Amino acid sequence: MLVRENVGSRKTAVPIVVAIPALTALHALYFDRHWATDIIGGWLAGAAIASGCAHGYEIAQARKKAPRIRPKPR
């Protein structure tokens, strides 16, 4: 969303988006806080939620740009 709104660049956003979940997962595995299947499930759930949010964002942007059709007065 930050890249789409021209707030950040793709070169900085992608490494951050990949690094945070990866480091969190490695931390959880290293300290034996979660099983690997828990982490994979969390990644899949996070990806599904992010995809849904991105889809909702795209719909909202399309509605904002679409011309409004007003009914003719009778």
PDB file of N, CA and C in Angstrom:
ATOM      1  N   MET A   1       0.826  -1.184   0.000  1.00  0.00           N
ATOM      2  CA  MET A   1       0.000   0.000   0.000  1.00  0.00           C
ATOM      3  C   MET A   1       0.877   1.256   0.000  1.00  0.00           C
ATOM      4  N   LEU A   2       1.980   1.193   0.723  1.00  0.00           N
ATOM      5  CA  LEU A   2       2.857   2.360   0.761  1.00  0.00           C
ATOM      6  C   LEU A   2       3.447   2.653  -0.614  1.00  0.00           C
ATOM      7  N   VAL A   3       3.803   1.617  -1.329  1.00  0.00           N
ATOM      8  CA  VAL A   3       4.353   1.801  -2.672  1.00  0.00           C
ATOM      9  C   VAL A   3       3.259   2.321  -3.594  1.00  0.00           C
ATOM     10  N   ARG A   4       2.069   1.778  -3.472  1.00  0.00           N
ATOM     11  CA  ARG A   4       0.951   2.200  -4.323  1.00  0.00           C
ATOM     12  C   ARG A   4       0.582   3.662  -4.098  1.00  0.00           C
ATOM     13  N   GLU A   5       0.705   4.127  -2.859  1.00  0.00           N
ATOM     14  CA  GLU A   5       0.386   5.515  -2.529  1.00  0.00           C
ATOM     15  C   GLU A   5       1.602   6.434  -2.647  1.00  0.00           C
ATOM     16  N   ASN A   6       2.722   5.916  -3.155  1.00  0.00           N
ATOM     17  CA  ASN A   6       3.966   6.675  -3.342  1.00  0.00           C
ATOM     18  C   ASN A   6       4.513   7.241  -2.032  1.00  0.00           C
ATOM     19  N   VAL A   7       4.361   6.487  -0.966  1.00  0.00           N
ATOM     20  CA  VAL A   7       4.922   6.894   0.325  1.00  0.00           C
ATOM     21  C   VAL A   7       6.306   6.279   0.517  1.00  0.00           C
ATOM     22  N   GLY A   8       6.500   5.081  -0.012  1.00  0.00           N
ATOM     23  CA  GLY A   8       7.788   4.402   0.101  1.00  0.00           C
ATOM     24  C   GLY A   8       8.159   3.785  -1.235  1.00  0.00           C
ATOM     25  N   SER A   9       9.395   3.357  -1.348  1.00  0.00           N
ATOM     26  CA  SER A   9       9.838   2.730  -2.594  1.00  0.00           C
ATOM     27  C   SER A   9       9.791   1.213  -2.455  1.00  0.00           C
ATOM     28  N   ARG A  10       9.693   0.549  -3.583  1.00  0.00           N
ATOM     29  CA  ARG A  10       9.648  -0.916  -3.595  1.00  0.00           C
ATOM     30  C   ARG A  10      10.968  -1.505  -3.082  1.00  0.00           C
ATOM     31  N   LYS A  11      12.081  -0.812  -3.329  1.00  0.00           N
ATOM     32  CA  LYS A  11      13.390  -1.311  -2.894  1.00  0.00           C
ATOM     33  C   LYS A  11      13.508  -1.397  -1.379  1.00  0.00           C
ATOM     34  N   THR A  12      12.801  -0.550  -0.651  1.00  0.00           N
ATOM     35  CA  THR A  12      12.843  -0.610   0.812  1.00  0.00           C
ATOM     36  C   THR A  12      11.684  -1.411   1.382  1.00  0.00           C
ATOM     37  N   ALA A  13      10.528  -1.389   0.716  1.00  0.00           N
ATOM     38  CA  ALA A  13       9.349  -2.057   1.268  1.00  0.00           C
ATOM     39  C   ALA A  13       9.467  -3.581   1.209  1.00  0.00           C
ATOM     40  N   VAL A  14       9.922  -4.120   0.089  1.00  0.00           N
ATOM     41  CA  VAL A  14       9.967  -5.574  -0.074  1.00  0.00           C
ATOM     42  C   VAL A  14      10.901  -6.240   0.934  1.00  0.00           C
ATOM     43  N   PRO A  15      12.127  -5.768   1.129  1.00  0.00           N
ATOM     44  CA  PRO A  15      12.975  -6.421   2.137  1.00  0.00           C
ATOM     45  C   PRO A  15      12.386  -6.363   3.552  1.00  0.00           C
ATOM     46  N   ILE A  16      11.739  -5.264   3.890  1.00  0.00           N
ATOM     47  CA  ILE A  16      11.143  -5.154   5.220  1.00  0.00           C
ATOM     48  C   ILE A  16       9.987  -6.124   5.366  1.00  0.00           C
ATOM     49  N   VAL A  17       9.146  -6.199   4.330  1.00  0.00           N
ATOM     50  CA  VAL A  17       7.980  -7.082   4.374  1.00  0.00           C
ATOM     51  C   VAL A  17       8.406  -8.551   4.452  1.00  0.00           C
ATOM     52  N   VAL A  18       9.515  -8.892   3.860  1.00  0.00           N
ATOM     53  CA  VAL A  18       9.998 -10.273   3.901  1.00  0.00           C
ATOM     54  C   VAL A  18      10.788 -10.538   5.183  1.00  0.00           C
ATOM     55  N   ALA A  19      11.587  -9.573   5.629  1.00  0.00           N
ATOM     56  CA  ALA A  19      12.485  -9.792   6.756  1.00  0.00           C
ATOM     57  C   ALA A  19      11.754  -9.929   8.087  1.00  0.00           C
ATOM     58  N   ILE A  20      10.748  -9.128   8.330  1.00  0.00           N
ATOM     59  CA  ILE A  20      10.085  -9.153   9.641  1.00  0.00           C
ATOM     60  C   ILE A  20       9.445 -10.516   9.918  1.00  0.00           C
ATOM     61  N   PRO A  21       8.611 -11.063   9.014  1.00  0.00           N
ATOM     62  CA  PRO A  21       8.051 -12.393   9.304  1.00  0.00           C
ATOM     63  C   PRO A  21       9.121 -13.487   9.360  1.00  0.00           C
ATOM     64  N   ALA A  22      10.157 -13.385   8.517  1.00  0.00           N
ATOM     65  CA  ALA A  22      11.204 -14.405   8.526  1.00  0.00           C
ATOM     66  C   ALA A  22      11.972 -14.395   9.839  1.00  0.00           C
ATOM     67  N   LEU A  23      12.345 -13.209  10.317  1.00  0.00           N
ATOM     68  CA  LEU A  23      13.070 -13.129  11.591  1.00  0.00           C
ATOM     69  C   LEU A  23      12.199 -13.557  12.771  1.00  0.00           C
ATOM     70  N   THR A  24      10.933 -13.199  12.724  1.00  0.00           N
ATOM     71  CA  THR A  24      10.017 -13.613  13.784  1.00  0.00           C
ATOM     72  C   THR A  24       9.879 -15.135  13.802  1.00  0.00           C
ATOM     73  N   ALA A  25       9.770 -15.735  12.629  1.00  0.00           N
ATOM     74  CA  ALA A  25       9.654 -17.196  12.546  1.00  0.00           C
ATOM     75  C   ALA A  25      10.923 -17.880  13.040  1.00  0.00           C
ATOM     76  N   LEU A  26      12.074 -17.375  12.630  1.00  0.00           N
ATOM     77  CA  LEU A  26      13.336 -17.969  13.093  1.00  0.00           C
ATOM     78  C   LEU A  26      13.472 -17.856  14.611  1.00  0.00           C
ATOM     79  N   HIS A  27      13.054 -16.738  15.150  1.00  0.00           N
ATOM     80  CA  HIS A  27      13.095 -16.543  16.594  1.00  0.00           C
ATOM     81  C   HIS A  27      12.198 -17.563  17.301  1.00  0.00           C
ATOM     82  N   ALA A  28      10.986 -17.742  16.779  1.00  0.00           N
ATOM     83  CA  ALA A  28      10.046 -18.688  17.390  1.00  0.00           C
ATOM     84  C   ALA A  28      10.558 -20.127  17.290  1.00  0.00           C
ATOM     85  N   LEU A  29      11.164 -20.471  16.170  1.00  0.00           N
ATOM     86  CA  LEU A  29      11.715 -21.817  16.023  1.00  0.00           C
ATOM     87  C   LEU A  29      12.938 -22.028  16.901  1.00  0.00           C
ATOM     88  N   TYR A  30      13.816 -21.057  16.947  1.00  0.00           N
ATOM     89  CA  TYR A  30      15.049 -21.179  17.717  1.00  0.00           C
ATOM     90  C   TYR A  30      14.765 -21.358  19.205  1.00  0.00           C
ATOM     91  N   PHE A  31      13.838 -20.588  19.731  1.00  0.00           N
ATOM     92  CA  PHE A  31      13.514 -20.677  21.148  1.00  0.00           C
ATOM     93  C   PHE A  31      12.409 -21.685  21.431  1.00  0.00           C
ATOM     94  N   ASP A  32      12.069 -22.491  20.438  1.00  0.00           N
ATOM     95  CA  ASP A  32      11.101 -23.584  20.574  1.00  0.00           C
ATOM     96  C   ASP A  32       9.764 -23.084  21.120  1.00  0.00           C
ATOM     97  N   ARG A  33       9.306 -21.953  20.594  1.00  0.00           N
ATOM     98  CA  ARG A  33       8.024 -21.371  21.002  1.00  0.00           C
ATOM     99  C   ARG A  33       6.868 -21.920  20.170  1.00  0.00           C
ATOM    100  N   HIS A  34       7.135 -22.272  18.913  1.00  0.00           N
ATOM    101  CA  HIS A  34       6.093 -22.781  18.019  1.00  0.00           C
ATOM    102  C   HIS A  34       6.649 -23.901  17.165  1.00  0.00           C
ATOM    103  N   TRP A  35       5.740 -24.741  16.687  1.00  0.00           N
ATOM    104  CA  TRP A  35       6.124 -25.748  15.709  1.00  0.00           C
ATOM    105  C   TRP A  35       6.189 -25.089  14.344  1.00  0.00           C
ATOM    106  N   ALA A  36       6.902 -25.734  13.441  1.00  0.00           N
ATOM    107  CA  ALA A  36       7.036 -25.195  12.086  1.00  0.00           C
ATOM    108  C   ALA A  36       5.672 -25.093  11.404  1.00  0.00           C
ATOM    109  N   THR A  37       4.782 -26.056  11.671  1.00  0.00           N
ATOM    110  CA  THR A  37       3.451 -26.003  11.061  1.00  0.00           C
ATOM    111  C   THR A  37       2.659 -24.795  11.560  1.00  0.00           C
ATOM    112  N   ASP A  38       2.856 -24.401  12.819  1.00  0.00           N
ATOM    113  CA  ASP A  38       2.198 -23.187  13.334  1.00  0.00           C
ATOM    114  C   ASP A  38       2.673 -21.957  12.567  1.00  0.00           C
ATOM    115  N   ILE A  39       3.949 -21.900  12.318  1.00  0.00           N
ATOM    116  CA  ILE A  39       4.525 -20.747  11.617  1.00  0.00           C
ATOM    117  C   ILE A  39       4.046 -20.698  10.177  1.00  0.00           C
ATOM    118  N   ILE A  40       4.032 -21.839   9.508  1.00  0.00           N
ATOM    119  CA  ILE A  40       3.547 -21.879   8.124  1.00  0.00           C
ATOM    120  C   ILE A  40       2.073 -21.483   8.073  1.00  0.00           C
ATOM    121  N   GLY A  41       1.288 -21.980   9.017  1.00  0.00           N
ATOM    122  CA  GLY A  41      -0.123 -21.607   9.083  1.00  0.00           C
ATOM    123  C   GLY A  41      -0.299 -20.108   9.324  1.00  0.00           C
ATOM    124  N   GLY A  42       0.532 -19.545  10.168  1.00  0.00           N
ATOM    125  CA  GLY A  42       0.479 -18.112  10.423  1.00  0.00           C
ATOM    126  C   GLY A  42       0.837 -17.304   9.190  1.00  0.00           C
ATOM    127  N   TRP A  43       1.843 -17.767   8.454  1.00  0.00           N
ATOM    128  CA  TRP A  43       2.213 -17.082   7.209  1.00  0.00           C
ATOM    129  C   TRP A  43       1.066 -17.137   6.205  1.00  0.00           C
ATOM    130  N   LEU A  44       0.435 -18.307   6.079  1.00  0.00           N
ATOM    131  CA  LEU A  44      -0.672 -18.443   5.134  1.00  0.00           C
ATOM    132  C   LEU A  44      -1.860 -17.581   5.548  1.00  0.00           C
ATOM    133  N   ALA A  45      -2.158 -17.553   6.836  1.00  0.00           N
ATOM    134  CA  ALA A  45      -3.253 -16.713   7.321  1.00  0.00           C
ATOM    135  C   ALA A  45      -2.930 -15.233   7.092  1.00  0.00           C
ATOM    136  N   GLY A  46      -1.711 -14.837   7.363  1.00  0.00           N
ATOM    137  CA  GLY A  46      -1.299 -13.457   7.137  1.00  0.00           C
ATOM    138  C   GLY A  46      -1.365 -13.080   5.669  1.00  0.00           C
ATOM    139  N   ALA A  47      -0.950 -13.999   4.796  1.00  0.00           N
ATOM    140  CA  ALA A  47      -1.011 -13.727   3.356  1.00  0.00           C
ATOM    141  C   ALA A  47      -2.461 -13.601   2.890  1.00  0.00           C
ATOM    142  N   ALA A  48      -3.347 -14.438   3.437  1.00  0.00           N
ATOM    143  CA  ALA A  48      -4.763 -14.358   3.068  1.00  0.00           C
ATOM    144  C   ALA A  48      -5.371 -13.036   3.527  1.00  0.00           C
ATOM    145  N   ILE A  49      -5.068 -12.620   4.740  1.00  0.00           N
ATOM    146  CA  ILE A  49      -5.599 -11.359   5.259  1.00  0.00           C
ATOM    147  C   ILE A  49      -5.042 -10.179   4.459  1.00  0.00           C
ATOM    148  N   ALA A  50      -3.747 -10.208   4.169  1.00  0.00           N
ATOM    149  CA  ALA A  50      -3.139  -9.124   3.384  1.00  0.00           C
ATOM    150  C   ALA A  50      -3.737  -9.072   1.981  1.00  0.00           C
ATOM    151  N   SER A  51      -3.984 -10.220   1.381  1.00  0.00           N
ATOM    152  CA  SER A  51      -4.592 -10.243   0.046  1.00  0.00           C
ATOM    153  C   SER A  51      -6.000  -9.672   0.076  1.00  0.00           C
ATOM    154  N   GLY A  52      -6.762 -10.041   1.103  1.00  0.00           N
ATOM    155  CA  GLY A  52      -8.109  -9.499   1.243  1.00  0.00           C
ATOM    156  C   GLY A  52      -8.102  -7.992   1.432  1.00  0.00           C
ATOM    157  N   CYS A  53      -7.178  -7.505   2.245  1.00  0.00           N
ATOM    158  CA  CYS A  53      -7.061  -6.055   2.463  1.00  0.00           C
ATOM    159  C   CYS A  53      -6.649  -5.342   1.179  1.00  0.00           C
ATOM    160  N   ALA A  54      -5.704  -5.913   0.444  1.00  0.00           N
ATOM    161  CA  ALA A  54      -5.269  -5.301  -0.813  1.00  0.00           C
ATOM    162  C   ALA A  54      -6.413  -5.277  -1.821  1.00  0.00           C
ATOM    163  N   HIS A  55      -7.206  -6.344  -1.860  1.00  0.00           N
ATOM    164  CA  HIS A  55      -8.350  -6.394  -2.767  1.00  0.00           C
ATOM    165  C   HIS A  55      -9.387  -5.332  -2.381  1.00  0.00           C
ATOM    166  N   GLY A  56      -9.667  -5.209  -1.105  1.00  0.00           N
ATOM    167  CA  GLY A  56     -10.593  -4.181  -0.638  1.00  0.00           C
ATOM    168  C   GLY A  56     -10.092  -2.785  -0.958  1.00  0.00           C
ATOM    169  N   TYR A  57      -8.801  -2.588  -0.827  1.00  0.00           N
ATOM    170  CA  TYR A  57      -8.192  -1.296  -1.159  1.00  0.00           C
ATOM    171  C   TYR A  57      -8.377  -0.981  -2.639  1.00  0.00           C
ATOM    172  N   GLU A  58      -8.134  -1.956  -3.488  1.00  0.00           N
ATOM    173  CA  GLU A  58      -8.282  -1.747  -4.928  1.00  0.00           C
ATOM    174  C   GLU A  58      -9.740  -1.425  -5.284  1.00  0.00           C
ATOM    175  N   ILE A  59     -10.685  -2.098  -4.650  1.00  0.00           N
ATOM    176  CA  ILE A  59     -12.098  -1.818  -4.898  1.00  0.00           C
ATOM    177  C   ILE A  59     -12.429  -0.395  -4.465  1.00  0.00           C
ATOM    178  N   ALA A  60     -11.952   0.006  -3.300  1.00  0.00           N
ATOM    179  CA  ALA A  60     -12.219   1.358  -2.808  1.00  0.00           C
ATOM    180  C   ALA A  60     -11.612   2.407  -3.728  1.00  0.00           C
ATOM    181  N   GLN A  61     -10.414   2.164  -4.239  1.00  0.00           N
ATOM    182  CA  GLN A  61      -9.777   3.112  -5.150  1.00  0.00           C
ATOM    183  C   GLN A  61     -10.532   3.196  -6.470  1.00  0.00           C
ATOM    184  N   ALA A  62     -11.025   2.065  -6.965  1.00  0.00           N
ATOM    185  CA  ALA A  62     -11.778   2.058  -8.218  1.00  0.00           C
ATOM    186  C   ALA A  62     -13.099   2.809  -8.048  1.00  0.00           C
ATOM    187  N   ARG A  63     -13.746   2.652  -6.908  1.00  0.00           N
ATOM    188  CA  ARG A  63     -14.993   3.369  -6.665  1.00  0.00           C
ATOM    189  C   ARG A  63     -14.760   4.866  -6.532  1.00  0.00           C
ATOM    190  N   LYS A  64     -13.628   5.226  -5.952  1.00  0.00           N
ATOM    191  CA  LYS A  64     -13.329   6.647  -5.790  1.00  0.00           C
ATOM    192  C   LYS A  64     -13.092   7.315  -7.144  1.00  0.00           C
ATOM    193  N   LYS A  65     -12.494   6.587  -8.091  1.00  0.00           N
ATOM    194  CA  LYS A  65     -12.167   7.150  -9.391  1.00  0.00           C
ATOM    195  C   LYS A  65     -13.324   7.057 -10.382  1.00  0.00           C
ATOM    196  N   ALA A  66     -14.282   6.161 -10.153  1.00  0.00           N
ATOM    197  CA  ALA A  66     -15.382   5.962 -11.098  1.00  0.00           C
ATOM    198  C   ALA A  66     -16.326   7.161 -11.070  1.00  0.00           C
ATOM    199  N   PRO A  67     -16.785   7.560 -12.238  1.00  0.00           N
ATOM    200  CA  PRO A  67     -17.735   8.683 -12.258  1.00  0.00           C
ATOM    201  C   PRO A  67     -19.067   8.263 -11.646  1.00  0.00           C
ATOM    202  N   ARG A  68     -19.673   9.179 -10.924  1.00  0.00           N
ATOM    203  CA  ARG A  68     -20.962   8.899 -10.303  1.00  0.00           C
ATOM    204  C   ARG A  68     -22.071   9.251 -11.285  1.00  0.00           C
ATOM    205  N   ILE A  69     -22.984   8.346 -11.429  1.00  0.00           N
ATOM    206  CA  ILE A  69     -24.125   8.558 -12.320  1.00  0.00           C
ATOM    207  C   ILE A  69     -25.299   9.002 -11.450  1.00  0.00           C
ATOM    208  N   ARG A  70     -25.769  10.185 -11.759  1.00  0.00           N
ATOM    209  CA  ARG A  70     -26.898  10.730 -10.979  1.00  0.00           C
ATOM    210  C   ARG A  70     -28.184  10.534 -11.776  1.00  0.00           C
ATOM    211  N   PRO A  71     -29.228  10.141 -11.086  1.00  0.00           N
ATOM    212  CA  PRO A  71     -30.495   9.961 -11.812  1.00  0.00           C
ATOM    213  C   PRO A  71     -31.047  11.302 -12.295  1.00  0.00           C
ATOM    214  N   LYS A  72     -31.692  11.259 -13.438  1.00  0.00           N
ATOM    215  CA  LYS A  72     -32.298  12.476 -13.991  1.00  0.00           C
ATOM    216  C   LYS A  72     -33.530  12.857 -13.170  1.00  0.00           C
ATOM    217  N   PRO A  73     -33.716  14.134 -12.937  1.00  0.00           N
ATOM    218  CA  PRO A  73     -34.925  14.536 -12.203  1.00  0.00           C
ATOM    219  C   PRO A  73     -36.173  14.303 -13.049  1.00  0.00           C
ATOM    220  N   ARG A  74     -37.277  13.996 -12.372  1.00  0.00           N
ATOM    221  CA  ARG A  74     -38.514  13.717 -13.096  1.00  0.00           C
ATOM    222  C   ARG A  74     -39.323  14.943 -13.279  1.00  0.00           C
TER     223      ARG A  74
END
